[in-house]
Amino acid sequence: MNDLKTDLPMNSESTALTITILGSGTSSGIPVIACDCKVCRSSNPRNRRLRSSALVDVRGVKILIDTGPDLRQQCLENDIRRIDAVLYTHEHADHIFGCDDLRIFNFIQEQEIPAFGHARTIGHLKKVYSYFTNPFQNGGGVPKVAFHEVSEAFDFQGIPIEPIPVRHGKLEIFGYRIGSFAYINDCSAIPDRSLERLKGLKALILDALRYSPHPTHFNLDEAVQVAQQLGAERTFFTHITHDVDHSEANGKLPNGMELAFDGLEIAIDFSSYP
């Protein structure tokens, strides 16, 4: 489906970084259970939103951002056959409760999968998934995930990854920058130091929950203001509720900004990075 892919300008010798939006919805997913609103009943496939997640492909290295409860479905729908690492933004249920499904990739790849995140997030994951290292019974498939606390930029298989601290209400969580791409989800404020680290982007994925204000997320107007401040070549808004109809909202956004949707692929130049 050609309309699912958007290419930012690249030269013929560049190496592509490709981002696939696996889910663009908020914690309830869209359609919401038992909801009869026009978005939940919409026939537009771009109003169908699984829980927020993305897959980044850099030179064939597959980096997953968050393992939400829809991970199995997202992998099937996007024909994902390998995951080399996971980046966790934070520990809320809609971002971690598909972690057990990583075990299928352990079987396929015959190796452990490293997962990176904020120290608090990693501590929470180790508690929730304590059976990864201390199974309560023999038999069955136990995921092999190596949890790593990070706070500064690090390298994974030659790819520079930079955690970007942002605020999710009172909670500090991480966005991530990889080259000239950044993913900032579940965000209500970005500290000045982090804003500086988000300059010069070709593609930005940014939280934009709904039209009305929310204590722990940017609403659409706030997200547009932040996007204008950062000046990325293209900005795609995610973590969207059923208050927002895709076609109606998209038509009112400034140039260079649009709503993300499930299955969207974004390819950008990664040639300037080692």
Protein backbone atom coordinates (compact mmCIF):
# COMPACT_ATOMS: atom_id res chain seq x y z
CA MET A 1 0.00 0.00 0.00
CA ASN A 2 1.95 2.96 -1.29
CA ASP A 3 -0.09 5.50 0.67
CA LEU A 4 1.30 4.08 3.90
CA LYS A 5 4.83 5.27 3.17
CA THR A 6 6.28 8.75 3.23
CA ASP A 7 9.85 9.44 2.17
CA LEU A 8 11.73 12.50 3.28
CA PRO A 9 14.39 13.71 0.79
CA MET A 10 17.40 11.39 0.53
CA ASN A 11 20.31 11.17 -1.89
CA SER A 12 20.88 7.97 -3.82
CA GLU A 13 23.88 6.97 -1.71
CA SER A 14 22.23 7.54 1.66
CA THR A 15 21.45 4.85 4.19
CA ALA A 16 17.80 4.87 5.22
CA LEU A 17 16.39 4.84 8.69
CA THR A 18 12.81 3.61 8.47
CA ILE A 19 10.20 4.10 11.17
CA THR A 20 7.00 2.05 11.14
CA ILE A 21 4.17 3.24 13.36
CA LEU A 22 2.81 0.05 14.92
CA GLY A 23 0.21 1.84 17.01
CA SER A 24 -0.94 5.47 17.17
CA GLY A 25 -3.63 5.18 19.83
CA THR A 26 -3.95 6.04 23.48
CA SER A 27 -4.16 3.53 26.36
CA SER A 28 -7.71 2.39 25.54
CA GLY A 29 -7.02 1.76 21.87
CA ILE A 30 -9.47 2.82 19.16
CA PRO A 31 -12.23 1.71 18.83
CA VAL A 32 -12.83 1.97 22.55
CA ILE A 33 -14.71 -0.94 24.11
CA ALA A 34 -18.51 -0.40 23.97
CA CYS A 35 -18.20 3.08 22.40
CA ASP A 36 -20.57 4.23 19.67
CA CYS A 37 -18.92 7.58 18.87
CA LYS A 38 -18.31 8.50 15.22
CA VAL A 39 -14.56 7.78 15.42
CA CYS A 40 -14.98 4.37 17.02
CA ARG A 41 -17.66 3.52 14.42
CA SER A 42 -15.71 5.09 11.55
CA SER A 43 -14.99 3.12 8.37
CA ASN A 44 -11.74 5.06 7.88
CA PRO A 45 -8.91 2.63 8.71
CA ARG A 46 -6.81 5.55 9.98
CA ASN A 47 -9.26 5.94 12.85
CA ARG A 48 -8.38 2.41 13.97
CA ARG A 49 -5.54 2.84 16.48
CA LEU A 50 -3.69 0.18 18.44
CA ARG A 51 -1.70 1.14 21.52
CA SER A 52 1.31 3.38 20.77
CA SER A 53 4.51 1.74 19.57
CA ALA A 54 7.02 2.02 16.73
CA LEU A 55 9.68 -0.06 15.01
CA VAL A 56 12.90 1.60 13.86
CA ASP A 57 15.01 -0.11 11.20
CA VAL A 58 18.58 1.16 10.83
CA ARG A 59 20.69 -0.78 8.33
CA GLY A 60 18.66 -3.90 9.07
CA VAL A 61 18.90 -3.54 12.86
CA LYS A 62 15.35 -3.65 14.24
CA ILE A 63 14.74 -1.52 17.32
CA LEU A 64 11.29 -1.67 18.92
CA ILE A 65 9.97 1.25 20.98
CA ASP A 66 7.73 -0.12 23.78
CA THR A 67 5.95 -3.47 24.02
CA GLY A 68 2.30 -2.59 24.47
CA PRO A 69 -0.53 -5.10 24.92
CA ASP A 70 -1.15 -5.15 21.15
CA LEU A 71 2.39 -6.29 20.29
CA ARG A 72 1.41 -9.71 18.94
CA GLN A 73 -1.21 -8.21 16.62
CA GLN A 74 1.17 -5.43 15.53
CA CYS A 75 3.88 -7.95 14.63
CA LEU A 76 1.44 -10.02 12.59
CA GLU A 77 -0.05 -7.04 10.77
CA ASN A 78 3.39 -5.59 9.91
CA ASP A 79 5.13 -8.93 9.20
CA ILE A 80 7.79 -8.29 11.86
CA ARG A 81 10.22 -11.21 11.92
CA ARG A 82 13.07 -9.88 14.04
CA ILE A 83 13.59 -7.59 17.05
CA ASP A 84 17.17 -6.78 18.02
CA ALA A 85 16.49 -4.42 20.93
CA VAL A 86 13.71 -2.66 22.81
CA LEU A 87 13.62 0.94 24.02
CA TYR A 88 11.14 1.63 26.82
CA THR A 89 9.67 5.10 27.25
CA HIS A 90 8.11 4.30 30.65
CA GLU A 91 6.40 1.63 32.68
CA HIS A 92 2.68 2.24 32.18
CA ALA A 93 0.61 -0.80 31.18
CA ASP A 94 -0.09 0.34 27.62
CA HIS A 95 3.67 0.44 26.98
CA ILE A 96 4.93 -2.75 28.63
CA PHE A 97 2.21 -5.42 28.78
CA GLY A 98 3.21 -7.15 25.56
CA CYS A 99 6.73 -7.90 26.78
CA ASP A 100 6.06 -11.62 27.12
CA ASP A 101 5.50 -11.85 23.35
CA LEU A 102 9.21 -11.17 22.83
CA ARG A 103 9.80 -14.86 23.58
CA ILE A 104 8.79 -15.77 20.02
CA PHE A 105 11.73 -13.72 18.78
CA ASN A 106 13.98 -15.50 21.28
CA PHE A 107 12.94 -18.78 19.67
CA ILE A 108 13.50 -17.47 16.14
CA GLN A 109 16.77 -15.63 16.81
CA GLU A 110 18.12 -18.04 19.44
CA GLN A 111 19.44 -15.18 21.53
CA GLU A 112 18.58 -12.82 24.35
CA ILE A 113 17.02 -9.45 23.52
CA PRO A 114 18.42 -6.36 25.27
CA ALA A 115 15.92 -3.80 26.57
CA PHE A 116 16.85 -0.26 27.64
CA GLY A 117 15.07 2.34 29.75
CA HIS A 118 14.99 4.73 32.68
CA ALA A 119 16.20 3.18 35.98
CA ARG A 120 12.70 3.41 37.49
CA THR A 121 11.13 1.81 34.41
CA ILE A 122 13.64 -1.04 34.37
CA GLY A 123 13.09 -1.63 38.09
CA HIS A 124 9.36 -1.89 37.49
CA LEU A 125 9.80 -4.26 34.55
CA LYS A 126 11.99 -6.57 36.63
CA LYS A 127 9.24 -6.78 39.25
CA VAL A 128 6.38 -7.30 36.82
CA TYR A 129 8.35 -9.86 34.83
CA SER A 130 10.28 -11.48 37.66
CA TYR A 131 9.50 -14.89 36.19
CA PHE A 132 11.83 -14.10 33.26
CA THR A 133 14.74 -14.90 35.58
CA ASN A 134 12.91 -16.87 38.30
CA PRO A 135 10.33 -19.07 36.56
CA PHE A 136 7.82 -20.57 39.00
CA GLN A 137 7.64 -23.88 37.15
CA ASN A 138 9.50 -25.86 34.52
CA GLY A 139 8.26 -26.01 30.97
CA GLY A 140 6.76 -23.38 28.72
CA GLY A 141 8.57 -20.53 27.04
CA VAL A 142 10.20 -17.95 29.28
CA PRO A 143 11.34 -14.78 27.49
CA LYS A 144 15.04 -14.02 27.54
CA VAL A 145 15.25 -10.25 27.96
CA ALA A 146 18.27 -8.44 29.38
CA PHE A 147 17.11 -5.22 31.08
CA HIS A 148 19.57 -2.30 31.04
CA GLU A 149 19.26 1.03 32.85
CA VAL A 150 20.37 4.00 30.75
CA SER A 151 20.55 7.72 31.43
CA GLU A 152 22.91 9.05 28.76
CA ALA A 153 23.52 8.46 25.06
CA PHE A 154 24.71 4.95 24.25
CA ASP A 155 25.67 2.88 21.23
CA PHE A 156 23.85 -0.23 20.05
CA GLN A 157 25.44 -2.15 17.19
CA GLY A 158 27.03 1.05 15.88
CA ILE A 159 23.80 3.06 16.18
CA PRO A 160 23.85 6.11 18.48
CA ILE A 161 20.76 6.23 20.71
CA GLU A 162 20.05 9.18 22.98
CA PRO A 163 17.45 9.02 25.78
CA ILE A 164 15.60 12.36 26.00
CA PRO A 165 14.08 13.14 29.44
CA VAL A 166 10.55 14.57 29.22
CA ARG A 167 7.69 15.00 31.67
CA HIS A 168 4.59 12.80 31.72
CA GLY A 169 2.71 14.77 34.36
CA LYS A 170 4.94 14.53 37.46
CA LEU A 171 6.79 11.52 36.05
CA GLU A 172 10.12 11.77 34.24
CA ILE A 173 10.12 9.42 31.28
CA PHE A 174 12.24 8.99 28.16
CA GLY A 175 11.78 9.88 24.55
CA TYR A 176 14.54 8.74 22.21
CA ARG A 177 16.61 10.32 19.46
CA ILE A 178 18.28 8.16 16.81
CA GLY A 179 20.15 10.25 14.27
CA SER A 180 17.80 12.92 12.96
CA PHE A 181 14.67 11.09 14.16
CA ALA A 182 13.04 11.42 17.59
CA TYR A 183 10.12 9.70 19.29
CA ILE A 184 8.46 11.63 22.14
CA ASN A 185 5.41 9.88 23.55
CA ASP A 186 3.22 10.41 26.65
CA CYS A 187 4.52 13.92 27.18
CA SER A 188 3.11 17.01 28.88
CA ALA A 189 6.30 19.11 29.05
CA ILE A 190 9.82 19.07 27.62
CA PRO A 191 12.60 20.61 29.74
CA ASP A 192 14.79 23.26 28.08
CA ARG A 193 17.84 20.99 28.03
CA SER A 194 15.85 18.31 26.22
CA LEU A 195 14.44 20.84 23.75
CA GLU A 196 18.00 21.71 22.75
CA ARG A 197 18.72 18.02 22.16
CA LEU A 198 15.76 17.81 19.79
CA LYS A 199 16.92 20.44 17.29
CA GLY A 200 17.83 19.57 13.71
CA LEU A 201 15.35 16.72 13.28
CA LYS A 202 14.13 15.41 9.95
CA ALA A 203 11.28 13.45 11.51
CA LEU A 204 9.59 13.81 14.91
CA ILE A 205 6.89 11.58 16.40
CA LEU A 206 5.15 13.59 19.14
CA ASP A 207 2.35 13.01 21.66
CA ALA A 208 -0.93 14.79 20.85
CA LEU A 209 -3.71 13.17 22.85
CA ARG A 210 -6.88 15.13 22.06
CA TYR A 211 -8.30 18.67 21.64
CA SER A 212 -8.99 19.46 25.29
CA PRO A 213 -6.24 19.89 27.93
CA HIS A 214 -4.92 16.90 29.85
CA PRO A 215 -2.65 16.84 32.94
CA THR A 216 -0.16 14.30 31.58
CA HIS A 217 -0.25 14.69 27.78
CA PHE A 218 0.04 17.45 25.20
CA ASN A 219 -3.25 18.25 23.56
CA LEU A 220 -3.19 18.89 19.82
CA ASP A 221 -2.72 22.67 20.08
CA GLU A 222 0.14 22.26 22.56
CA ALA A 223 1.78 19.63 20.37
CA VAL A 224 1.61 21.94 17.35
CA GLN A 225 3.27 24.73 19.36
CA VAL A 226 6.09 22.42 20.48
CA ALA A 227 6.52 21.11 16.93
CA GLN A 228 6.80 24.67 15.63
CA GLN A 229 9.39 25.45 18.31
CA LEU A 230 11.48 22.41 17.41
CA GLY A 231 11.21 22.94 13.66
CA ALA A 232 11.54 19.33 12.47
CA GLU A 233 11.16 18.86 8.72
CA ARG A 234 8.15 16.63 9.37
CA THR A 235 6.17 16.01 12.55
CA PHE A 236 3.73 13.15 13.06
CA PHE A 237 1.35 13.19 16.05
CA THR A 238 0.56 10.01 17.97
CA HIS A 239 -1.11 8.56 21.12
CA ILE A 240 -4.46 9.85 19.85
CA THR A 241 -7.88 9.35 21.49
CA HIS A 242 -11.26 8.77 19.87
CA ASP A 243 -12.00 12.50 20.27
CA VAL A 244 -9.92 13.11 17.12
CA ASP A 245 -11.12 12.12 13.65
CA HIS A 246 -8.15 11.55 11.38
CA SER A 247 -9.41 13.33 8.26
CA GLU A 248 -10.96 16.28 10.09
CA ALA A 249 -7.88 16.99 12.22
CA ASN A 250 -5.34 16.37 9.47
CA GLY A 251 -6.90 18.97 7.22
CA LYS A 252 -6.40 21.70 9.81
CA LEU A 253 -2.75 21.08 10.72
CA PRO A 254 0.09 23.38 9.60
CA ASN A 255 2.33 22.37 6.71
CA GLY A 256 4.83 19.69 7.66
CA MET A 257 2.58 18.26 10.38
CA GLU A 258 0.13 15.39 10.26
CA LEU A 259 -1.44 12.68 12.37
CA ALA A 260 0.37 9.39 12.46
CA PHE A 261 -1.64 6.25 11.75
CA ASP A 262 -1.11 2.55 12.23
CA GLY A 263 1.10 1.12 9.49
CA LEU A 264 2.63 4.44 8.46
CA GLU A 265 6.25 4.10 7.27
CA ILE A 266 8.65 7.06 7.34
CA ALA A 267 12.07 6.81 5.67
CA ILE A 268 14.80 9.37 6.33
CA ASP A 269 18.50 9.78 5.56
CA PHE A 270 20.88 8.20 8.08
CA SER A 271 24.05 8.59 5.99
CA SER A 272 25.61 11.28 8.19
CA TYR A 273 25.81 8.98 11.20
CA PRO A 274 28.43 6.28 11.75
